[in-house]
Amino acid sequence: MDWEKLKHTPHYGNMYRTKVPGGWLVLADSWAKDEGGEYDATGVGVCFYPDALYQWHIEEDPETDEKSGGE
């Protein structure tokens, strides 16, 4: 699968999407580190976003130049 990174926040995790028949598969991961740099917790979620015409476009955030999931 060809995953596209949508968003990264240095303290919370990442969000990705990939085209699948009928829409998008969206994956989000989150994580937290303690003061020593060790991971305290992680989590992953996956969902299907129906969009048969693939009209979900990503726009650049002018303030941070990071991608966001704007429609």
N, C-alpha and C. Protein backbone atom coordinates (compact mmCIF):
# COMPACT_ATOMS: atom_id res chain seq x y z
N MET A 1 0.84 -1.18 0.00
CA MET A 1 0.00 0.00 0.00
C MET A 1 0.88 1.24 0.00
N ASP A 2 0.40 2.26 -0.67
CA ASP A 2 1.14 3.51 -0.78
C ASP A 2 0.53 4.52 0.21
N TRP A 3 1.08 4.60 1.41
CA TRP A 3 0.55 5.48 2.46
C TRP A 3 1.09 6.89 2.28
N GLU A 4 0.21 7.87 2.37
CA GLU A 4 0.56 9.29 2.30
C GLU A 4 0.42 9.88 3.71
N LYS A 5 1.48 10.51 4.20
CA LYS A 5 1.41 11.13 5.53
C LYS A 5 0.60 12.43 5.41
N LEU A 6 -0.41 12.56 6.26
CA LEU A 6 -1.26 13.75 6.26
C LEU A 6 -0.84 14.74 7.33
N LYS A 7 -0.46 14.26 8.47
CA LYS A 7 -0.21 15.16 9.60
C LYS A 7 0.80 14.51 10.53
N HIS A 8 1.67 15.32 11.09
CA HIS A 8 2.59 14.86 12.12
C HIS A 8 2.64 15.91 13.22
N THR A 9 2.44 15.47 14.42
CA THR A 9 2.62 16.35 15.56
C THR A 9 3.69 15.72 16.44
N PRO A 10 4.69 16.47 16.83
CA PRO A 10 5.82 15.86 17.54
C PRO A 10 5.46 15.23 18.88
N HIS A 11 4.31 15.58 19.45
CA HIS A 11 3.97 15.03 20.77
C HIS A 11 2.86 14.00 20.71
N TYR A 12 2.15 13.89 19.60
CA TYR A 12 0.96 13.05 19.61
C TYR A 12 0.96 11.94 18.58
N GLY A 13 1.61 12.05 17.46
CA GLY A 13 1.60 10.97 16.49
C GLY A 13 1.44 11.43 15.06
N ASN A 14 0.94 10.54 14.23
CA ASN A 14 0.86 10.77 12.80
C ASN A 14 -0.50 10.33 12.27
N MET A 15 -0.83 10.81 11.06
CA MET A 15 -2.03 10.36 10.36
C MET A 15 -1.64 10.11 8.91
N TYR A 16 -2.13 8.99 8.36
CA TYR A 16 -1.83 8.58 7.00
C TYR A 16 -3.12 8.20 6.28
N ARG A 17 -3.07 8.18 4.95
CA ARG A 17 -4.19 7.66 4.16
C ARG A 17 -3.63 6.93 2.95
N THR A 18 -4.45 6.00 2.43
CA THR A 18 -4.12 5.31 1.19
C THR A 18 -5.42 5.02 0.45
N LYS A 19 -5.36 5.06 -0.88
CA LYS A 19 -6.55 4.79 -1.69
C LYS A 19 -6.87 3.30 -1.64
N VAL A 20 -8.14 3.00 -1.45
CA VAL A 20 -8.68 1.65 -1.55
C VAL A 20 -9.96 1.75 -2.37
N PRO A 21 -10.46 0.64 -2.89
CA PRO A 21 -11.69 0.72 -3.67
C PRO A 21 -12.82 1.39 -2.88
N GLY A 22 -13.38 2.46 -3.45
CA GLY A 22 -14.51 3.16 -2.84
C GLY A 22 -14.16 4.28 -1.89
N GLY A 23 -12.87 4.51 -1.65
CA GLY A 23 -12.52 5.59 -0.74
C GLY A 23 -11.09 5.48 -0.22
N TRP A 24 -10.94 5.81 1.05
CA TRP A 24 -9.63 5.89 1.69
C TRP A 24 -9.58 5.01 2.94
N LEU A 25 -8.44 4.42 3.17
CA LEU A 25 -8.15 3.79 4.44
C LEU A 25 -7.30 4.80 5.20
N VAL A 26 -7.72 5.15 6.41
CA VAL A 26 -7.04 6.17 7.20
C VAL A 26 -6.47 5.51 8.45
N LEU A 27 -5.21 5.79 8.73
CA LEU A 27 -4.52 5.22 9.88
C LEU A 27 -3.99 6.36 10.73
N ALA A 28 -4.22 6.30 12.02
CA ALA A 28 -3.67 7.29 12.95
C ALA A 28 -2.92 6.55 14.04
N ASP A 29 -1.75 7.05 14.36
CA ASP A 29 -1.03 6.47 15.50
C ASP A 29 -0.73 7.58 16.50
N SER A 30 -0.64 7.20 17.73
CA SER A 30 -0.31 8.16 18.78
C SER A 30 0.68 7.51 19.73
N TRP A 31 1.44 8.34 20.38
CA TRP A 31 2.44 7.83 21.30
C TRP A 31 2.81 8.91 22.30
N ALA A 32 3.36 8.48 23.40
CA ALA A 32 3.78 9.42 24.44
C ALA A 32 5.08 8.91 25.04
N LYS A 33 5.98 9.81 25.32
CA LYS A 33 7.25 9.46 25.94
C LYS A 33 7.31 10.07 27.34
N ASP A 34 8.01 9.39 28.23
CA ASP A 34 8.22 9.95 29.56
C ASP A 34 9.43 10.89 29.53
N GLU A 35 9.78 11.45 30.66
CA GLU A 35 10.88 12.42 30.71
C GLU A 35 12.22 11.80 30.32
N GLY A 36 12.35 10.49 30.48
CA GLY A 36 13.59 9.80 30.12
C GLY A 36 13.65 9.40 28.65
N GLY A 37 12.61 9.68 27.89
CA GLY A 37 12.60 9.36 26.48
C GLY A 37 12.05 7.99 26.15
N GLU A 38 11.59 7.25 27.16
CA GLU A 38 11.00 5.94 26.94
C GLU A 38 9.52 6.08 26.61
N TYR A 39 9.00 5.17 25.79
CA TYR A 39 7.58 5.20 25.45
C TYR A 39 6.73 4.73 26.62
N ASP A 40 5.74 5.55 26.99
CA ASP A 40 4.79 5.18 28.03
C ASP A 40 3.56 4.51 27.44
N ALA A 41 3.10 4.98 26.30
CA ALA A 41 1.87 4.48 25.71
C ALA A 41 1.89 4.69 24.20
N THR A 42 1.27 3.78 23.49
CA THR A 42 1.10 3.93 22.05
C THR A 42 -0.31 3.49 21.69
N GLY A 43 -0.79 3.93 20.55
CA GLY A 43 -2.11 3.52 20.09
C GLY A 43 -2.20 3.68 18.59
N VAL A 44 -3.02 2.86 17.96
CA VAL A 44 -3.22 2.91 16.51
C VAL A 44 -4.70 2.74 16.23
N GLY A 45 -5.22 3.51 15.29
CA GLY A 45 -6.60 3.36 14.85
C GLY A 45 -6.66 3.38 13.34
N VAL A 46 -7.59 2.59 12.79
CA VAL A 46 -7.77 2.51 11.34
C VAL A 46 -9.26 2.67 11.05
N CYS A 47 -9.59 3.42 10.01
CA CYS A 47 -10.99 3.55 9.60
C CYS A 47 -11.07 3.68 8.09
N PHE A 48 -12.26 3.45 7.55
CA PHE A 48 -12.53 3.62 6.13
C PHE A 48 -13.31 4.92 5.94
N TYR A 49 -12.85 5.77 5.04
CA TYR A 49 -13.52 7.02 4.70
C TYR A 49 -14.09 6.87 3.30
N PRO A 50 -15.42 6.75 3.16
CA PRO A 50 -16.00 6.56 1.84
C PRO A 50 -15.86 7.82 0.98
N ASP A 51 -15.29 7.65 -0.20
CA ASP A 51 -15.07 8.76 -1.13
C ASP A 51 -14.77 8.15 -2.50
N ALA A 52 -15.80 7.62 -3.15
CA ALA A 52 -15.63 6.87 -4.39
C ALA A 52 -14.96 7.68 -5.50
N LEU A 53 -15.10 9.01 -5.47
CA LEU A 53 -14.48 9.86 -6.49
C LEU A 53 -13.15 10.45 -6.04
N TYR A 54 -12.70 10.09 -4.85
CA TYR A 54 -11.42 10.56 -4.29
C TYR A 54 -11.32 12.08 -4.33
N GLN A 55 -12.32 12.74 -3.75
CA GLN A 55 -12.36 14.20 -3.74
C GLN A 55 -11.75 14.81 -2.48
N TRP A 56 -11.26 14.00 -1.57
CA TRP A 56 -10.64 14.51 -0.35
C TRP A 56 -9.25 15.02 -0.73
N HIS A 57 -9.11 16.34 -0.79
CA HIS A 57 -7.85 16.96 -1.17
C HIS A 57 -7.16 17.53 0.06
N ILE A 58 -5.86 17.50 0.03
CA ILE A 58 -5.05 17.99 1.14
C ILE A 58 -4.54 19.38 0.80
N GLU A 59 -4.68 20.29 1.76
CA GLU A 59 -4.21 21.66 1.57
C GLU A 59 -3.05 21.93 2.52
N GLU A 60 -2.10 22.74 2.05
CA GLU A 60 -0.97 23.11 2.89
C GLU A 60 -1.41 24.15 3.91
N ASP A 61 -0.95 24.02 5.13
CA ASP A 61 -1.22 24.99 6.18
C ASP A 61 -0.20 26.12 6.02
N PRO A 62 -0.66 27.34 5.69
CA PRO A 62 0.29 28.42 5.42
C PRO A 62 1.16 28.83 6.61
N GLU A 63 0.68 28.59 7.82
CA GLU A 63 1.46 28.99 9.00
C GLU A 63 2.60 28.04 9.30
N THR A 64 2.38 26.74 9.07
CA THR A 64 3.40 25.76 9.45
C THR A 64 3.93 24.97 8.27
N ASP A 65 3.35 25.16 7.08
CA ASP A 65 3.72 24.40 5.89
C ASP A 65 3.53 22.90 6.08
N GLU A 66 2.68 22.50 7.05
CA GLU A 66 2.36 21.10 7.24
C GLU A 66 1.04 20.81 6.57
N LYS A 67 0.83 19.54 6.23
CA LYS A 67 -0.42 19.15 5.59
C LYS A 67 -1.49 18.96 6.64
N SER A 68 -2.72 19.27 6.26
CA SER A 68 -3.86 19.01 7.12
C SER A 68 -4.96 18.36 6.29
N GLY A 69 -5.88 17.72 6.94
CA GLY A 69 -6.91 16.98 6.24
C GLY A 69 -8.10 17.82 5.82
N GLY A 70 -7.90 18.97 5.22
CA GLY A 70 -9.00 19.80 4.77
C GLY A 70 -9.67 19.22 3.54
N GLU A 71 -10.98 19.39 3.45
CA GLU A 71 -11.70 18.89 2.29
C GLU A 71 -11.92 20.02 1.30
